[in-house]
């Protein structure tokens, strides 16, 4: 792992600790970067810090919400994907990132999001997060749509993937 990637992850880990978040999973092995998963019991606290106090009750579809921090390396793309059991909301924390969305398998226009900007992704909506010139840090909340079968990392349908997954 590059020193820069290690530094970014350590910085985010330190920030989450200072903010009082309980990290339940940390993955630095993704070819595009990685993520931190925050304790679901802290969803409102996470929304207060990372989504300007957004009321998580208004986000609940099935009752379950999962907060995460995504870290995207420069010049990398997550897969062109969608989900059967979740919608998502993203808000940029640091860096400028690219986002592509579409209701079909055809990729839409690239939109650039800067710190403070957010986007809501519907269940089934195709989407891709793209690292541009610098490291991007994005807060994310999964909105589970099926209470009896909550979404997880396997709930990804990859339409296209730069890493052959």
C-alpha atoms as a PDB file:
ATOM      1  CA  UNK A   1       0.000   0.000   0.000  1.00  0.00           C
ATOM      2  CA  UNK A   2       1.323   3.439  -0.892  1.00  0.00           C
ATOM      3  CA  UNK A   3       2.396   5.777   1.898  1.00  0.00           C
ATOM      4  CA  UNK A   4      -0.161   8.312   0.694  1.00  0.00           C
ATOM      5  CA  UNK A   5      -3.018   5.799   0.913  1.00  0.00           C
ATOM      6  CA  UNK A   6      -1.869   4.751   4.373  1.00  0.00           C
ATOM      7  CA  UNK A   7      -1.772   8.427   5.470  1.00  0.00           C
ATOM      8  CA  UNK A   8      -5.280   9.111   4.149  1.00  0.00           C
ATOM      9  CA  UNK A   9      -6.698   6.044   5.942  1.00  0.00           C
ATOM     10  CA  UNK A  10      -4.933   6.918   9.198  1.00  0.00           C
ATOM     11  CA  UNK A  11      -6.228  10.499   8.983  1.00  0.00           C
ATOM     12  CA  UNK A  12      -9.812   9.334   8.473  1.00  0.00           C
ATOM     13  CA  UNK A  13      -9.498   6.732  11.259  1.00  0.00           C
ATOM     14  CA  UNK A  14      -8.202   9.428  13.627  1.00  0.00           C
ATOM     15  CA  UNK A  15     -11.008  11.826  12.685  1.00  0.00           C
ATOM     16  CA  UNK A  16     -13.699   9.165  13.215  1.00  0.00           C
ATOM     17  CA  UNK A  17     -12.194   8.298  16.607  1.00  0.00           C
ATOM     18  CA  UNK A  18     -12.146  11.954  17.699  1.00  0.00           C
ATOM     19  CA  UNK A  19     -15.776  12.325  16.545  1.00  0.00           C
ATOM     20  CA  UNK A  20     -16.695   9.320  18.720  1.00  0.00           C
ATOM     21  CA  UNK A  21     -17.638   6.892  15.966  1.00  0.00           C
ATOM     22  CA  UNK A  22     -17.349   3.142  16.412  1.00  0.00           C
ATOM     23  CA  UNK A  23     -15.783   1.663  13.261  1.00  0.00           C
ATOM     24  CA  UNK A  24     -17.146  -1.876  12.810  1.00  0.00           C
ATOM     25  CA  UNK A  25     -15.286  -2.635   9.574  1.00  0.00           C
ATOM     26  CA  UNK A  26     -12.306  -1.134   7.754  1.00  0.00           C
ATOM     27  CA  UNK A  27     -11.217  -2.238   4.280  1.00  0.00           C
ATOM     28  CA  UNK A  28      -8.079  -0.738   2.712  1.00  0.00           C
ATOM     29  CA  UNK A  29      -7.693  -3.492   0.120  1.00  0.00           C
ATOM     30  CA  UNK A  30     -10.059  -2.303  -2.609  1.00  0.00           C
ATOM     31  CA  UNK A  31      -8.271  -1.562  -5.909  1.00  0.00           C
ATOM     32  CA  UNK A  32      -9.986   1.855  -5.959  1.00  0.00           C
ATOM     33  CA  UNK A  33      -9.309   2.734  -2.292  1.00  0.00           C
ATOM     34  CA  UNK A  34     -11.483   1.427   0.513  1.00  0.00           C
ATOM     35  CA  UNK A  35     -14.008   2.225   3.216  1.00  0.00           C
ATOM     36  CA  UNK A  36     -14.928   2.446   6.887  1.00  0.00           C
ATOM     37  CA  UNK A  37     -18.249   1.065   8.147  1.00  0.00           C
ATOM     38  CA  UNK A  38     -19.729   2.862  11.169  1.00  0.00           C
ATOM     39  CA  UNK A  39     -21.963   1.305  13.847  1.00  0.00           C
ATOM     40  CA  UNK A  40     -25.589   1.506  12.650  1.00  0.00           C
ATOM     41  CA  UNK A  41     -26.681   2.717  16.099  1.00  0.00           C
ATOM     42  CA  UNK A  42     -24.743   5.913  15.324  1.00  0.00           C
ATOM     43  CA  UNK A  43     -26.650   6.713  12.096  1.00  0.00           C
ATOM     44  CA  UNK A  44     -28.165   9.944  13.452  1.00  0.00           C
ATOM     45  CA  UNK A  45     -24.857  11.082  14.960  1.00  0.00           C
ATOM     46  CA  UNK A  46     -23.192  10.311  11.594  1.00  0.00           C
ATOM     47  CA  UNK A  47     -25.893  12.310   9.760  1.00  0.00           C
ATOM     48  CA  UNK A  48     -25.389  15.197  12.204  1.00  0.00           C
ATOM     49  CA  UNK A  49     -21.655  15.334  11.465  1.00  0.00           C
ATOM     50  CA  UNK A  50     -21.526  14.362   7.783  1.00  0.00           C
ATOM     51  CA  UNK A  51     -24.943  15.361   6.398  1.00  0.00           C
ATOM     52  CA  UNK A  52     -25.600  18.677   8.199  1.00  0.00           C
ATOM     53  CA  UNK A  53     -28.018  17.163  10.696  1.00  0.00           C
ATOM     54  CA  UNK A  54     -30.225  15.411   8.140  1.00  0.00           C
ATOM     55  CA  UNK A  55     -32.986  13.612  10.050  1.00  0.00           C
ATOM     56  CA  UNK A  56     -32.330   9.904   9.546  1.00  0.00           C
ATOM     57  CA  UNK A  57     -35.983   9.127  10.273  1.00  0.00           C
ATOM     58  CA  UNK A  58     -36.800  10.740   6.922  1.00  0.00           C
ATOM     59  CA  UNK A  59     -34.255   8.461   5.216  1.00  0.00           C
ATOM     60  CA  UNK A  60     -35.562   5.190   6.617  1.00  0.00           C
ATOM     61  CA  UNK A  61     -37.171   2.965   4.013  1.00  0.00           C
ATOM     62  CA  UNK A  62     -37.133  -0.352   5.886  1.00  0.00           C
ATOM     63  CA  UNK A  63     -35.894   0.987   9.224  1.00  0.00           C
ATOM     64  CA  UNK A  64     -32.232   0.058   8.811  1.00  0.00           C
ATOM     65  CA  UNK A  65     -29.487   2.521   7.819  1.00  0.00           C
ATOM     66  CA  UNK A  66     -25.766   1.820   7.403  1.00  0.00           C
ATOM     67  CA  UNK A  67     -23.246   4.698   7.554  1.00  0.00           C
ATOM     68  CA  UNK A  68     -19.920   4.441   5.709  1.00  0.00           C
ATOM     69  CA  UNK A  69     -16.969   6.555   4.652  1.00  0.00           C
ATOM     70  CA  UNK A  70     -15.619   5.822   1.156  1.00  0.00           C
ATOM     71  CA  UNK A  71     -12.063   6.702   0.157  1.00  0.00           C
ATOM     72  CA  UNK A  72     -11.417   6.889  -3.586  1.00  0.00           C
ATOM     73  CA  UNK A  73      -7.929   7.035  -5.084  1.00  0.00           C
ATOM     74  CA  UNK A  74      -7.092   9.552  -7.819  1.00  0.00           C
ATOM     75  CA  UNK A  75      -7.777   8.361 -11.376  1.00  0.00           C
ATOM     76  CA  UNK A  76      -9.712   5.235 -10.332  1.00  0.00           C
ATOM     77  CA  UNK A  77     -13.325   4.228 -10.874  1.00  0.00           C
ATOM     78  CA  UNK A  78     -15.572   2.016  -8.823  1.00  0.00           C
ATOM     79  CA  UNK A  79     -17.609  -0.403 -10.894  1.00  0.00           C
ATOM     80  CA  UNK A  80     -20.632   0.760 -12.917  1.00  0.00           C
ATOM     81  CA  UNK A  81     -23.184  -0.864 -10.616  1.00  0.00           C
ATOM     82  CA  UNK A  82     -26.580  -0.963  -8.973  1.00  0.00           C
ATOM     83  CA  UNK A  83     -28.266  -2.618  -5.998  1.00  0.00           C
ATOM     84  CA  UNK A  84     -31.457  -4.649  -5.493  1.00  0.00           C
ATOM     85  CA  UNK A  85     -31.887  -3.984  -1.755  1.00  0.00           C
ATOM     86  CA  UNK A  86     -30.675  -0.468  -1.070  1.00  0.00           C
ATOM     87  CA  UNK A  87     -30.760   3.170  -2.049  1.00  0.00           C
ATOM     88  CA  UNK A  88     -27.839   5.416  -1.095  1.00  0.00           C
ATOM     89  CA  UNK A  89     -27.078   9.008  -0.252  1.00  0.00           C
ATOM     90  CA  UNK A  90     -23.538  10.375  -0.686  1.00  0.00           C
ATOM     91  CA  UNK A  91     -21.964  13.624   0.470  1.00  0.00           C
ATOM     92  CA  UNK A  92     -18.437  14.723  -0.402  1.00  0.00           C
ATOM     93  CA  UNK A  93     -16.219  15.350   2.630  1.00  0.00           C
ATOM     94  CA  UNK A  94     -12.845  16.061   0.937  1.00  0.00           C
ATOM     95  CA  UNK A  95     -11.583  16.315  -2.619  1.00  0.00           C
ATOM     96  CA  UNK A  96     -13.563  16.556  -5.832  1.00  0.00           C
ATOM     97  CA  UNK A  97     -15.097  13.339  -7.135  1.00  0.00           C
ATOM     98  CA  UNK A  98     -16.906  12.330 -10.278  1.00  0.00           C
ATOM     99  CA  UNK A  99     -20.310  10.656 -10.230  1.00  0.00           C
ATOM    100  CA  UNK A 100     -22.060   9.032 -13.178  1.00  0.00           C
ATOM    101  CA  UNK A 101     -25.691   7.865 -12.919  1.00  0.00           C
ATOM    102  CA  UNK A 102     -28.338   6.423 -15.211  1.00  0.00           C
ATOM    103  CA  UNK A 103     -31.624   4.511 -15.091  1.00  0.00           C
ATOM    104  CA  UNK A 104     -30.266   2.189 -17.824  1.00  0.00           C
ATOM    105  CA  UNK A 105     -26.975   0.331 -18.403  1.00  0.00           C
ATOM    106  CA  UNK A 106     -25.845   3.245 -20.598  1.00  0.00           C
ATOM    107  CA  UNK A 107     -23.592   5.586 -18.571  1.00  0.00           C
ATOM    108  CA  UNK A 108     -24.814   9.155 -18.158  1.00  0.00           C
ATOM    109  CA  UNK A 109     -22.806  12.384 -18.052  1.00  0.00           C
ATOM    110  CA  UNK A 110     -20.017  12.789 -15.510  1.00  0.00           C
ATOM    111  CA  UNK A 111     -20.929  15.272 -12.782  1.00  0.00           C
ATOM    112  CA  UNK A 112     -18.279  16.685 -10.493  1.00  0.00           C
ATOM    113  CA  UNK A 113     -19.134  16.975  -6.809  1.00  0.00           C
ATOM    114  CA  UNK A 114     -17.110  19.130  -4.426  1.00  0.00           C
ATOM    115  CA  UNK A 115     -17.022  19.114  -0.611  1.00  0.00           C
ATOM    116  CA  UNK A 116     -20.479  19.713   0.853  1.00  0.00           C
ATOM    117  CA  UNK A 117     -22.360  18.556  -2.246  1.00  0.00           C
ATOM    118  CA  UNK A 118     -24.524  15.448  -2.059  1.00  0.00           C
ATOM    119  CA  UNK A 119     -26.450  13.080  -4.299  1.00  0.00           C
ATOM    120  CA  UNK A 120     -29.256  10.574  -3.679  1.00  0.00           C
ATOM    121  CA  UNK A 121     -29.222   7.283  -5.581  1.00  0.00           C
ATOM    122  CA  UNK A 122     -32.441   5.306  -5.950  1.00  0.00           C
ATOM    123  CA  UNK A 123     -32.630   1.530  -5.572  1.00  0.00           C
ATOM    124  CA  UNK A 124     -31.708   0.059  -8.966  1.00  0.00           C
ATOM    125  CA  UNK A 125     -30.215   3.300 -10.293  1.00  0.00           C
ATOM    126  CA  UNK A 126     -26.896   2.678 -12.049  1.00  0.00           C
ATOM    127  CA  UNK A 127     -24.034   4.636 -10.534  1.00  0.00           C
ATOM    128  CA  UNK A 128     -20.272   4.965 -10.442  1.00  0.00           C
ATOM    129  CA  UNK A 129     -17.995   6.949  -8.140  1.00  0.00           C
ATOM    130  CA  UNK A 130     -14.798   8.215  -9.752  1.00  0.00           C
ATOM    131  CA  UNK A 131     -11.596   9.520  -8.193  1.00  0.00           C
ATOM    132  CA  UNK A 132     -10.390  12.547 -10.153  1.00  0.00           C
ATOM    133  CA  UNK A 133      -7.138  14.484  -9.542  1.00  0.00           C
ATOM    134  CA  UNK A 134      -6.900  13.976  -5.773  1.00  0.00           C
ATOM    135  CA  UNK A 135      -8.098  11.551  -3.103  1.00  0.00           C
ATOM    136  CA  UNK A 136     -11.834  11.753  -2.557  1.00  0.00           C
ATOM    137  CA  UNK A 137     -13.520  11.136   0.787  1.00  0.00           C
ATOM    138  CA  UNK A 138     -17.264  10.557   0.616  1.00  0.00           C
ATOM    139  CA  UNK A 139     -19.745   9.915   3.427  1.00  0.00           C
ATOM    140  CA  UNK A 140     -22.439   7.433   2.519  1.00  0.00           C
ATOM    141  CA  UNK A 141     -25.617   6.124   4.122  1.00  0.00           C
ATOM    142  CA  UNK A 142     -27.175   2.922   2.840  1.00  0.00           C
ATOM    143  CA  UNK A 143     -30.972   3.014   2.945  1.00  0.00           C
ATOM    144  CA  UNK A 144     -31.997  -0.634   3.165  1.00  0.00           C
ATOM    145  CA  UNK A 145     -35.166  -1.306   1.181  1.00  0.00           C
ATOM    146  CA  UNK A 146     -35.847  -4.873   2.377  1.00  0.00           C
ATOM    147  CA  UNK A 147     -36.013  -5.209   6.162  1.00  0.00           C
ATOM    148  CA  UNK A 148     -36.031  -9.037   6.033  1.00  0.00           C
ATOM    149  CA  UNK A 149     -33.006  -9.174   3.747  1.00  0.00           C
ATOM    150  CA  UNK A 150     -30.797  -6.127   4.433  1.00  0.00           C
ATOM    151  CA  UNK A 151     -28.268  -5.135   1.801  1.00  0.00           C
ATOM    152  CA  UNK A 152     -24.623  -6.139   2.179  1.00  0.00           C
ATOM    153  CA  UNK A 153     -21.407  -6.055   0.120  1.00  0.00           C
ATOM    154  CA  UNK A 154     -22.736  -8.906  -2.061  1.00  0.00           C
ATOM    155  CA  UNK A 155     -25.725  -6.747  -3.139  1.00  0.00           C
ATOM    156  CA  UNK A 156     -23.803  -5.315  -6.072  1.00  0.00           C
ATOM    157  CA  UNK A 157     -24.696  -5.931  -9.700  1.00  0.00           C
ATOM    158  CA  UNK A 158     -21.639  -4.873 -11.700  1.00  0.00           C
ATOM    159  CA  UNK A 159     -22.492  -3.774 -15.229  1.00  0.00           C
ATOM    160  CA  UNK A 160     -18.844  -2.852 -15.951  1.00  0.00           C
ATOM    161  CA  UNK A 161     -15.714  -3.053 -13.809  1.00  0.00           C
ATOM    162  CA  UNK A 162     -12.176  -1.849 -14.519  1.00  0.00           C
ATOM    163  CA  UNK A 163     -10.794  -4.559 -12.217  1.00  0.00           C
ATOM    164  CA  UNK A 164     -12.491  -7.581 -13.768  1.00  0.00           C
ATOM    165  CA  UNK A 165     -14.688  -8.345 -10.766  1.00  0.00           C
END
